[in-house]
PDB file of N, CA and C in Angstrom:
ATOM      1  N   MET A   1     -18.680   2.188 -17.349  1.00  0.00           N
ATOM      2  CA  MET A   1     -17.241   2.112 -17.212  1.00  0.00           C
ATOM      3  C   MET A   1     -16.762   0.659 -17.108  1.00  0.00           C
ATOM      4  N   LEU A   2     -17.567  -0.179 -16.482  1.00  0.00           N
ATOM      5  CA  LEU A   2     -17.195  -1.577 -16.325  1.00  0.00           C
ATOM      6  C   LEU A   2     -16.968  -2.256 -17.673  1.00  0.00           C
ATOM      7  N   GLN A   3     -17.808  -1.929 -18.668  1.00  0.00           N
ATOM      8  CA  GLN A   3     -17.643  -2.567 -19.971  1.00  0.00           C
ATOM      9  C   GLN A   3     -16.289  -2.234 -20.582  1.00  0.00           C
ATOM     10  N   TYR A   4     -15.788  -1.022 -20.344  1.00  0.00           N
ATOM     11  CA  TYR A   4     -14.492  -0.640 -20.896  1.00  0.00           C
ATOM     12  C   TYR A   4     -13.354  -1.364 -20.178  1.00  0.00           C
ATOM     13  N   LYS A   5     -13.504  -1.571 -18.883  1.00  0.00           N
ATOM     14  CA  LYS A   5     -12.494  -2.326 -18.141  1.00  0.00           C
ATOM     15  C   LYS A   5     -12.442  -3.770 -18.644  1.00  0.00           C
ATOM     16  N   LEU A   6     -13.606  -4.333 -18.913  1.00  0.00           N
ATOM     17  CA  LEU A   6     -13.647  -5.707 -19.428  1.00  0.00           C
ATOM     18  C   LEU A   6     -12.999  -5.793 -20.804  1.00  0.00           C
ATOM     19  N   ILE A   7     -13.273  -4.813 -21.646  1.00  0.00           N
ATOM     20  CA  ILE A   7     -12.651  -4.772 -22.974  1.00  0.00           C
ATOM     21  C   ILE A   7     -11.139  -4.689 -22.834  1.00  0.00           C
ATOM     22  N   LEU A   8     -10.666  -3.789 -21.985  1.00  0.00           N
ATOM     23  CA  LEU A   8      -9.224  -3.619 -21.794  1.00  0.00           C
ATOM     24  C   LEU A   8      -8.602  -4.880 -21.205  1.00  0.00           C
ATOM     25  N   ARG A   9      -9.271  -5.479 -20.244  1.00  0.00           N
ATOM     26  CA  ARG A   9      -8.735  -6.688 -19.608  1.00  0.00           C
ATOM     27  C   ARG A   9      -8.544  -7.799 -20.635  1.00  0.00           C
ATOM     28  N   MET A  10      -9.541  -8.028 -21.483  1.00  0.00           N
ATOM     29  CA  MET A  10      -9.446  -9.105 -22.472  1.00  0.00           C
ATOM     30  C   MET A  10      -8.437  -8.772 -23.576  1.00  0.00           C
ATOM     31  N   LEU A  11      -8.410  -7.529 -23.987  1.00  0.00           N
ATOM     32  CA  LEU A  11      -7.456  -7.112 -25.012  1.00  0.00           C
ATOM     33  C   LEU A  11      -6.025  -7.293 -24.511  1.00  0.00           C
ATOM     34  N   LEU A  12      -5.747  -6.817 -23.302  1.00  0.00           N
ATOM     35  CA  LEU A  12      -4.388  -6.900 -22.781  1.00  0.00           C
ATOM     36  C   LEU A  12      -3.992  -8.326 -22.409  1.00  0.00           C
ATOM     37  N   ARG A  13      -4.961  -9.118 -22.050  1.00  0.00           N
ATOM     38  CA  ARG A  13      -4.672 -10.525 -21.767  1.00  0.00           C
ATOM     39  C   ARG A  13      -4.007 -11.158 -22.990  1.00  0.00           C
ATOM     40  N   VAL A  14      -4.604 -10.936 -24.137  1.00  0.00           N
ATOM     41  CA  VAL A  14      -4.075 -11.484 -25.388  1.00  0.00           C
ATOM     42  C   VAL A  14      -2.745 -10.822 -25.746  1.00  0.00           C
ATOM     43  N   GLU A  15      -2.687  -9.503 -25.629  1.00  0.00           N
ATOM     44  CA  GLU A  15      -1.469  -8.770 -25.987  1.00  0.00           C
ATOM     45  C   GLU A  15      -0.280  -9.189 -25.127  1.00  0.00           C
ATOM     46  N   LEU A  16      -0.498  -9.327 -23.832  1.00  0.00           N
ATOM     47  CA  LEU A  16       0.585  -9.733 -22.935  1.00  0.00           C
ATOM     48  C   LEU A  16       1.106 -11.118 -23.301  1.00  0.00           C
ATOM     49  N   LEU A  17       0.206 -12.039 -23.509  1.00  0.00           N
ATOM     50  CA  LEU A  17       0.592 -13.405 -23.841  1.00  0.00           C
ATOM     51  C   LEU A  17       1.334 -13.455 -25.177  1.00  0.00           C
ATOM     52  N   GLU A  18       0.794 -12.788 -26.191  1.00  0.00           N
ATOM     53  CA  GLU A  18       1.449 -12.787 -27.505  1.00  0.00           C
ATOM     54  C   GLU A  18       2.827 -12.134 -27.445  1.00  0.00           C
ATOM     55  N   TYR A  19       2.919 -11.013 -26.735  1.00  0.00           N
ATOM     56  CA  TYR A  19       4.204 -10.325 -26.611  1.00  0.00           C
ATOM     57  C   TYR A  19       5.214 -11.225 -25.900  1.00  0.00           C
ATOM     58  N   ARG A  20       4.797 -11.807 -24.795  1.00  0.00           N
ATOM     59  CA  ARG A  20       5.715 -12.657 -24.013  1.00  0.00           C
ATOM     60  C   ARG A  20       6.216 -13.824 -24.851  1.00  0.00           C
ATOM     61  N   ARG A  21       5.324 -14.467 -25.558  1.00  0.00           N
ATOM     62  CA  ARG A  21       5.730 -15.612 -26.377  1.00  0.00           C
ATOM     63  C   ARG A  21       6.630 -15.189 -27.538  1.00  0.00           C
ATOM     64  N   ALA A  22       6.302 -14.071 -28.177  1.00  0.00           N
ATOM     65  CA  ALA A  22       7.105 -13.585 -29.306  1.00  0.00           C
ATOM     66  C   ALA A  22       8.527 -13.233 -28.871  1.00  0.00           C
ATOM     67  N   CYS A  23       8.652 -12.737 -27.644  1.00  0.00           N
ATOM     68  CA  CYS A  23       9.969 -12.343 -27.130  1.00  0.00           C
ATOM     69  C   CYS A  23      10.690 -13.480 -26.421  1.00  0.00           C
ATOM     70  N   GLY A  24       9.999 -14.595 -26.238  1.00  0.00           N
ATOM     71  CA  GLY A  24      10.602 -15.725 -25.550  1.00  0.00           C
ATOM     72  C   GLY A  24      10.837 -15.465 -24.066  1.00  0.00           C
ATOM     73  N   GLU A  25      10.005 -14.635 -23.478  1.00  0.00           N
ATOM     74  CA  GLU A  25      10.148 -14.276 -22.061  1.00  0.00           C
ATOM     75  C   GLU A  25       9.368 -15.242 -21.176  1.00  0.00           C
ATOM     76  N   THR A  26       9.816 -15.387 -19.962  1.00  0.00           N
ATOM     77  CA  THR A  26       9.063 -16.142 -18.970  1.00  0.00           C
ATOM     78  C   THR A  26       8.056 -15.194 -18.307  1.00  0.00           C
ATOM     79  N   GLN A  27       7.095 -15.782 -17.614  1.00  0.00           N
ATOM     80  CA  GLN A  27       6.145 -14.955 -16.871  1.00  0.00           C
ATOM     81  C   GLN A  27       6.872 -14.164 -15.789  1.00  0.00           C
ATOM     82  N   GLU A  28       7.873 -14.758 -15.187  1.00  0.00           N
ATOM     83  CA  GLU A  28       8.634 -14.077 -14.140  1.00  0.00           C
ATOM     84  C   GLU A  28       9.359 -12.848 -14.692  1.00  0.00           C
ATOM     85  N   ARG A  29       9.949 -13.010 -15.860  1.00  0.00           N
ATOM     86  CA  ARG A  29      10.668 -11.877 -16.474  1.00  0.00           C
ATOM     87  C   ARG A  29       9.689 -10.774 -16.886  1.00  0.00           C
ATOM     88  N   MET A  30       8.539 -11.158 -17.402  1.00  0.00           N
ATOM     89  CA  MET A  30       7.521 -10.157 -17.753  1.00  0.00           C
ATOM     90  C   MET A  30       7.074  -9.407 -16.507  1.00  0.00           C
ATOM     91  N   ALA A  31       6.895 -10.127 -15.414  1.00  0.00           N
ATOM     92  CA  ALA A  31       6.511  -9.479 -14.161  1.00  0.00           C
ATOM     93  C   ALA A  31       7.555  -8.444 -13.754  1.00  0.00           C
ATOM     94  N   GLU A  32       8.817  -8.790 -13.897  1.00  0.00           N
ATOM     95  CA  GLU A  32       9.890  -7.843 -13.573  1.00  0.00           C
ATOM     96  C   GLU A  32       9.804  -6.600 -14.455  1.00  0.00           C
ATOM     97  N   LYS A  33       9.583  -6.801 -15.752  1.00  0.00           N
ATOM     98  CA  LYS A  33       9.482  -5.669 -16.675  1.00  0.00           C
ATOM     99  C   LYS A  33       8.326  -4.737 -16.315  1.00  0.00           C
ATOM    100  N   LEU A  34       7.239  -5.328 -15.814  1.00  0.00           N
ATOM    101  CA  LEU A  34       6.043  -4.545 -15.490  1.00  0.00           C
ATOM    102  C   LEU A  34       6.036  -4.062 -14.041  1.00  0.00           C
ATOM    103  N   ARG A  35       7.071  -4.456 -13.286  1.00  0.00           N
ATOM    104  CA  ARG A  35       7.211  -4.063 -11.869  1.00  0.00           C
ATOM    105  C   ARG A  35       6.052  -4.573 -11.010  1.00  0.00           C
ATOM    106  N   ILE A  36       5.649  -5.831 -11.270  1.00  0.00           N
ATOM    107  CA  ILE A  36       4.603  -6.468 -10.481  1.00  0.00           C
ATOM    108  C   ILE A  36       5.088  -7.859 -10.070  1.00  0.00           C
ATOM    109  N   SER A  37       4.344  -8.504  -9.179  1.00  0.00           N
ATOM    110  CA  SER A  37       4.727  -9.852  -8.755  1.00  0.00           C
ATOM    111  C   SER A  37       4.440 -10.854  -9.874  1.00  0.00           C
ATOM    112  N   ALA A  38       5.121 -11.968  -9.799  1.00  0.00           N
ATOM    113  CA  ALA A  38       4.897 -13.034 -10.781  1.00  0.00           C
ATOM    114  C   ALA A  38       3.453 -13.525 -10.712  1.00  0.00           C
ATOM    115  N   ARG A  39       2.910 -13.614  -9.515  1.00  0.00           N
ATOM    116  CA  ARG A  39       1.515 -14.038  -9.352  1.00  0.00           C
ATOM    117  C   ARG A  39       0.565 -13.047 -10.015  1.00  0.00           C
ATOM    118  N   SER A  40       0.820 -11.753  -9.835  1.00  0.00           N
ATOM    119  CA  SER A  40      -0.022 -10.723 -10.460  1.00  0.00           C
ATOM    120  C   SER A  40       0.047 -10.820 -11.974  1.00  0.00           C
ATOM    121  N   TYR A  41       1.251 -11.082 -12.490  1.00  0.00           N
ATOM    122  CA  TYR A  41       1.377 -11.212 -13.938  1.00  0.00           C
ATOM    123  C   TYR A  41       0.572 -12.408 -14.444  1.00  0.00           C
ATOM    124  N   THR A  42       0.692 -13.533 -13.768  1.00  0.00           N
ATOM    125  CA  THR A  42      -0.062 -14.722 -14.160  1.00  0.00           C
ATOM    126  C   THR A  42      -1.556 -14.429 -14.170  1.00  0.00           C
ATOM    127  N   ASP A  43      -2.021 -13.722 -13.147  1.00  0.00           N
ATOM    128  CA  ASP A  43      -3.440 -13.359 -13.080  1.00  0.00           C
ATOM    129  C   ASP A  43      -3.842 -12.465 -14.250  1.00  0.00           C
ATOM    130  N   LEU A  44      -2.977 -11.536 -14.645  1.00  0.00           N
ATOM    131  CA  LEU A  44      -3.264 -10.674 -15.796  1.00  0.00           C
ATOM    132  C   LEU A  44      -3.394 -11.510 -17.065  1.00  0.00           C
ATOM    133  N   GLU A  45      -2.461 -12.416 -17.246  1.00  0.00           N
ATOM    134  CA  GLU A  45      -2.459 -13.241 -18.449  1.00  0.00           C
ATOM    135  C   GLU A  45      -3.680 -14.156 -18.512  1.00  0.00           C
ATOM    136  N   HIS A  46      -4.232 -14.479 -17.365  1.00  0.00           N
ATOM    137  CA  HIS A  46      -5.433 -15.313 -17.315  1.00  0.00           C
ATOM    138  C   HIS A  46      -6.712 -14.486 -17.280  1.00  0.00           C
ATOM    139  N   GLY A  47      -6.583 -13.160 -17.346  1.00  0.00           N
ATOM    140  CA  GLY A  47      -7.754 -12.302 -17.398  1.00  0.00           C
ATOM    141  C   GLY A  47      -8.508 -12.184 -16.089  1.00  0.00           C
ATOM    142  N   LYS A  48      -7.834 -12.406 -14.977  1.00  0.00           N
ATOM    143  CA  LYS A  48      -8.515 -12.353 -13.680  1.00  0.00           C
ATOM    144  C   LYS A  48      -8.814 -10.923 -13.242  1.00  0.00           C
ATOM    145  N   TYR A  49      -7.989  -9.987 -13.667  1.00  0.00           N
ATOM    146  CA  TYR A  49      -8.259  -8.584 -13.366  1.00  0.00           C
ATOM    147  C   TYR A  49      -7.600  -7.704 -14.414  1.00  0.00           C
ATOM    148  N   CYS A  50      -7.897  -6.430 -14.357  1.00  0.00           N
ATOM    149  CA  CYS A  50      -7.352  -5.470 -15.314  1.00  0.00           C
ATOM    150  C   CYS A  50      -6.052  -4.868 -14.773  1.00  0.00           C
ATOM    151  N   VAL A  51      -5.215  -4.416 -15.653  1.00  0.00           N
ATOM    152  CA  VAL A  51      -3.954  -3.793 -15.250  1.00  0.00           C
ATOM    153  C   VAL A  51      -4.201  -2.428 -14.611  1.00  0.00           C
ATOM    154  N   SER A  52      -3.282  -2.022 -13.772  1.00  0.00           N
ATOM    155  CA  SER A  52      -3.313  -0.653 -13.252  1.00  0.00           C
ATOM    156  C   SER A  52      -2.778   0.266 -14.344  1.00  0.00           C
ATOM    157  N   SER A  53      -2.987   1.527 -14.174  1.00  0.00           N
ATOM    158  CA  SER A  53      -2.489   2.482 -15.174  1.00  0.00           C
ATOM    159  C   SER A  53      -0.969   2.443 -15.257  1.00  0.00           C
ATOM    160  N   ILE A  54      -0.301   2.278 -14.134  1.00  0.00           N
ATOM    161  CA  ILE A  54       1.167   2.214 -14.131  1.00  0.00           C
ATOM    162  C   ILE A  54       1.646   0.968 -14.861  1.00  0.00           C
ATOM    163  N   THR A  55       1.024  -0.167 -14.580  1.00  0.00           N
ATOM    164  CA  THR A  55       1.399  -1.411 -15.251  1.00  0.00           C
ATOM    165  C   THR A  55       1.149  -1.311 -16.751  1.00  0.00           C
ATOM    166  N   LEU A  56       0.041  -0.695 -17.114  1.00  0.00           N
ATOM    167  CA  LEU A  56      -0.260  -0.493 -18.535  1.00  0.00           C
ATOM    168  C   LEU A  56       0.843   0.321 -19.202  1.00  0.00           C
ATOM    169  N   LEU A  57       1.268   1.382 -18.560  1.00  0.00           N
ATOM    170  CA  LEU A  57       2.325   2.218 -19.145  1.00  0.00           C
ATOM    171  C   LEU A  57       3.644   1.460 -19.267  1.00  0.00           C
ATOM    172  N   PHE A  58       3.978   0.656 -18.260  1.00  0.00           N
ATOM    173  CA  PHE A  58       5.201  -0.151 -18.364  1.00  0.00           C
ATOM    174  C   PHE A  58       5.095  -1.145 -19.520  1.00  0.00           C
ATOM    175  N   PHE A  59       3.920  -1.724 -19.723  1.00  0.00           N
ATOM    176  CA  PHE A  59       3.747  -2.652 -20.837  1.00  0.00           C
ATOM    177  C   PHE A  59       3.860  -1.929 -22.178  1.00  0.00           C
ATOM    178  N   LEU A  60       3.173  -0.804 -22.304  1.00  0.00           N
ATOM    179  CA  LEU A  60       3.237  -0.051 -23.560  1.00  0.00           C
ATOM    180  C   LEU A  60       4.667   0.397 -23.864  1.00  0.00           C
ATOM    181  N   ALA A  61       5.449   0.677 -22.823  1.00  0.00           N
ATOM    182  CA  ALA A  61       6.846   1.077 -23.023  1.00  0.00           C
ATOM    183  C   ALA A  61       7.689  -0.068 -23.586  1.00  0.00           C
ATOM    184  N   CYS A  62       7.253  -1.300 -23.389  1.00  0.00           N
ATOM    185  CA  CYS A  62       7.964  -2.470 -23.934  1.00  0.00           C
ATOM    186  C   CYS A  62       7.740  -2.624 -25.441  1.00  0.00           C
ATOM    187  N   LEU A  63       6.620  -2.112 -25.912  1.00  0.00           N
ATOM    188  CA  LEU A  63       6.216  -2.327 -27.303  1.00  0.00           C
ATOM    189  C   LEU A  63       6.834  -1.309 -28.249  1.00  0.00           C
ATOM    190  N   PRO A  64       7.032  -1.704 -29.508  1.00  0.00           N
ATOM    191  CA  PRO A  64       7.429  -0.725 -30.517  1.00  0.00           C
ATOM    192  C   PRO A  64       6.304   0.307 -30.683  1.00  0.00           C
ATOM    193  N   GLU A  65       6.662   1.514 -31.048  1.00  0.00           N
ATOM    194  CA  GLU A  65       5.692   2.610 -31.128  1.00  0.00           C
ATOM    195  C   GLU A  65       4.492   2.277 -32.016  1.00  0.00           C
ATOM    196  N   ASP A  66       4.726   1.644 -33.150  1.00  0.00           N
ATOM    197  CA  ASP A  66       3.602   1.322 -34.035  1.00  0.00           C
ATOM    198  C   ASP A  66       2.665   0.298 -33.398  1.00  0.00           C
ATOM    199  N   ARG A  67       3.217  -0.607 -32.613  1.00  0.00           N
ATOM    200  CA  ARG A  67       2.378  -1.604 -31.934  1.00  0.00           C
ATOM    201  C   ARG A  67       1.541  -0.947 -30.830  1.00  0.00           C
ATOM    202  N   VAL A  68       2.104   0.046 -30.164  1.00  0.00           N
ATOM    203  CA  VAL A  68       1.349   0.784 -29.141  1.00  0.00           C
ATOM    204  C   VAL A  68       0.096   1.371 -29.770  1.00  0.00           C
ATOM    205  N   MET A  69       0.247   1.984 -30.921  1.00  0.00           N
ATOM    206  CA  MET A  69      -0.906   2.589 -31.588  1.00  0.00           C
ATOM    207  C   MET A  69      -1.907   1.528 -32.029  1.00  0.00           C
ATOM    208  N   GLU A  70      -1.441   0.374 -32.439  1.00  0.00           N
ATOM    209  CA  GLU A  70      -2.356  -0.706 -32.815  1.00  0.00           C
ATOM    210  C   GLU A  70      -3.181  -1.163 -31.616  1.00  0.00           C
ATOM    211  N   VAL A  71      -2.555  -1.281 -30.465  1.00  0.00           N
ATOM    212  CA  VAL A  71      -3.266  -1.680 -29.249  1.00  0.00           C
ATOM    213  C   VAL A  71      -4.293  -0.621 -28.858  1.00  0.00           C
ATOM    214  N   VAL A  72      -3.872   0.639 -28.881  1.00  0.00           N
ATOM    215  CA  VAL A  72      -4.788   1.731 -28.535  1.00  0.00           C
ATOM    216  C   VAL A  72      -5.963   1.760 -29.509  1.00  0.00           C
ATOM    217  N   ASN A  73      -5.689   1.636 -30.781  1.00  0.00           N
ATOM    218  CA  ASN A  73      -6.759   1.658 -31.782  1.00  0.00           C
ATOM    219  C   ASN A  73      -7.693   0.457 -31.650  1.00  0.00           C
ATOM    220  N   ALA A  74      -7.152  -0.691 -31.296  1.00  0.00           N
ATOM    221  CA  ALA A  74      -7.995  -1.871 -31.082  1.00  0.00           C
ATOM    222  C   ALA A  74      -8.942  -1.634 -29.913  1.00  0.00           C
ATOM    223  N   PHE A  75      -8.443  -1.003 -28.850  1.00  0.00           N
ATOM    224  CA  PHE A  75      -9.301  -0.692 -27.708  1.00  0.00           C
ATOM    225  C   PHE A  75     -10.402   0.283 -28.117  1.00  0.00           C
ATOM    226  N   ILE A  76     -10.033   1.327 -28.841  1.00  0.00           N
ATOM    227  CA  ILE A  76     -11.017   2.326 -29.262  1.00  0.00           C
ATOM    228  C   ILE A  76     -12.087   1.686 -30.137  1.00  0.00           C
ATOM    229  N   LEU A  77     -11.683   0.849 -31.064  1.00  0.00           N
ATOM    230  CA  LEU A  77     -12.635   0.173 -31.945  1.00  0.00           C
ATOM    231  C   LEU A  77     -13.598  -0.702 -31.145  1.00  0.00           C
ATOM    232  N   GLN A  78     -13.070  -1.483 -30.224  1.00  0.00           N
ATOM    233  CA  GLN A  78     -13.922  -2.359 -29.422  1.00  0.00           C
ATOM    234  C   GLN A  78     -14.850  -1.553 -28.502  1.00  0.00           C
ATOM    235  N   ALA A  79     -14.360  -0.429 -27.980  1.00  0.00           N
ATOM    236  CA  ALA A  79     -15.198   0.424 -27.129  1.00  0.00           C
ATOM    237  C   ALA A  79     -16.335   1.033 -27.947  1.00  0.00           C
ATOM    238  N   ARG A  80     -16.029   1.465 -29.153  1.00  0.00           N
ATOM    239  CA  ARG A  80     -17.078   2.028 -30.023  1.00  0.00           C
ATOM    240  C   ARG A  80     -18.119   0.978 -30.380  1.00  0.00           C
ATOM    241  N   GLU A  81     -17.671  -0.228 -30.658  1.00  0.00           N
ATOM    242  CA  GLU A  81     -18.608  -1.314 -30.960  1.00  0.00           C
ATOM    243  C   GLU A  81     -19.499  -1.595 -29.757  1.00  0.00           C
ATOM    244  N   ALA A  82     -18.937  -1.570 -28.569  1.00  0.00           N
ATOM    245  CA  ALA A  82     -19.732  -1.787 -27.359  1.00  0.00           C
ATOM    246  C   ALA A  82     -20.754  -0.669 -27.188  1.00  0.00           C
ATOM    247  N   ASP A  83     -20.350   0.565 -27.477  1.00  0.00           N
ATOM    248  CA  ASP A  83     -21.261   1.702 -27.376  1.00  0.00           C
ATOM    249  C   ASP A  83     -22.421   1.548 -28.367  1.00  0.00           C
ATOM    250  N   GLU A  84     -22.109   1.145 -29.580  1.00  0.00           N
ATOM    251  CA  GLU A  84     -23.145   0.963 -30.606  1.00  0.00           C
ATOM    252  C   GLU A  84     -24.144  -0.109 -30.184  1.00  0.00           C
ATOM    253  N   ASN A  85     -23.645  -1.181 -29.593  1.00  0.00           N
ATOM    254  CA  ASN A  85     -24.523  -2.253 -29.140  1.00  0.00           C
ATOM    255  C   ASN A  85     -25.470  -1.782 -28.042  1.00  0.00           C
ATOM    256  N   VAL A  86     -25.007  -0.876 -27.210  1.00  0.00           N
ATOM    257  CA  VAL A  86     -25.848  -0.344 -26.132  1.00  0.00           C
ATOM    258  C   VAL A  86     -27.001   0.474 -26.726  1.00  0.00           C
ATOM    259  N   TYR A  87     -26.692   1.280 -27.721  1.00  0.00           N
ATOM    260  CA  TYR A  87     -27.708   2.157 -28.309  1.00  0.00           C
ATOM    261  C   TYR A  87     -28.674   1.404 -29.220  1.00  0.00           C
ATOM    262  N   ILE A  88     -28.243   0.274 -29.755  1.00  0.00           N
ATOM    263  CA  ILE A  88     -29.110  -0.522 -30.615  1.00  0.00           C
ATOM    264  C   ILE A  88     -30.149  -1.283 -29.777  1.00  0.00           C
ATOM    265  N   ALA A  89     -29.734  -1.763 -28.644  1.00  0.00           N
ATOM    266  CA  ALA A  89     -30.629  -2.582 -27.785  1.00  0.00           C
ATOM    267  C   ALA A  89     -31.783  -1.807 -27.219  1.00  0.00           C
TER     268      ALA A  89
END
């Protein structure tokens, strides 16, 4: 399970940063959108920990529907690749 959390943490780290920059949002405003503290948001963007399920849902709600599916599919692809690497070793 830890490997999946690491995959999600790194994937969302990039997604959060790209989304924030594309929208011209500050870290403080992103924190408000996700209903977390500014410090927690900064930590997410730096990959210090993984998002909670509630925070994940608030983030996905910010994205256009097609982008949500791209993020989900990217996670599934990376999880499958991690699984394959486990069975190959």
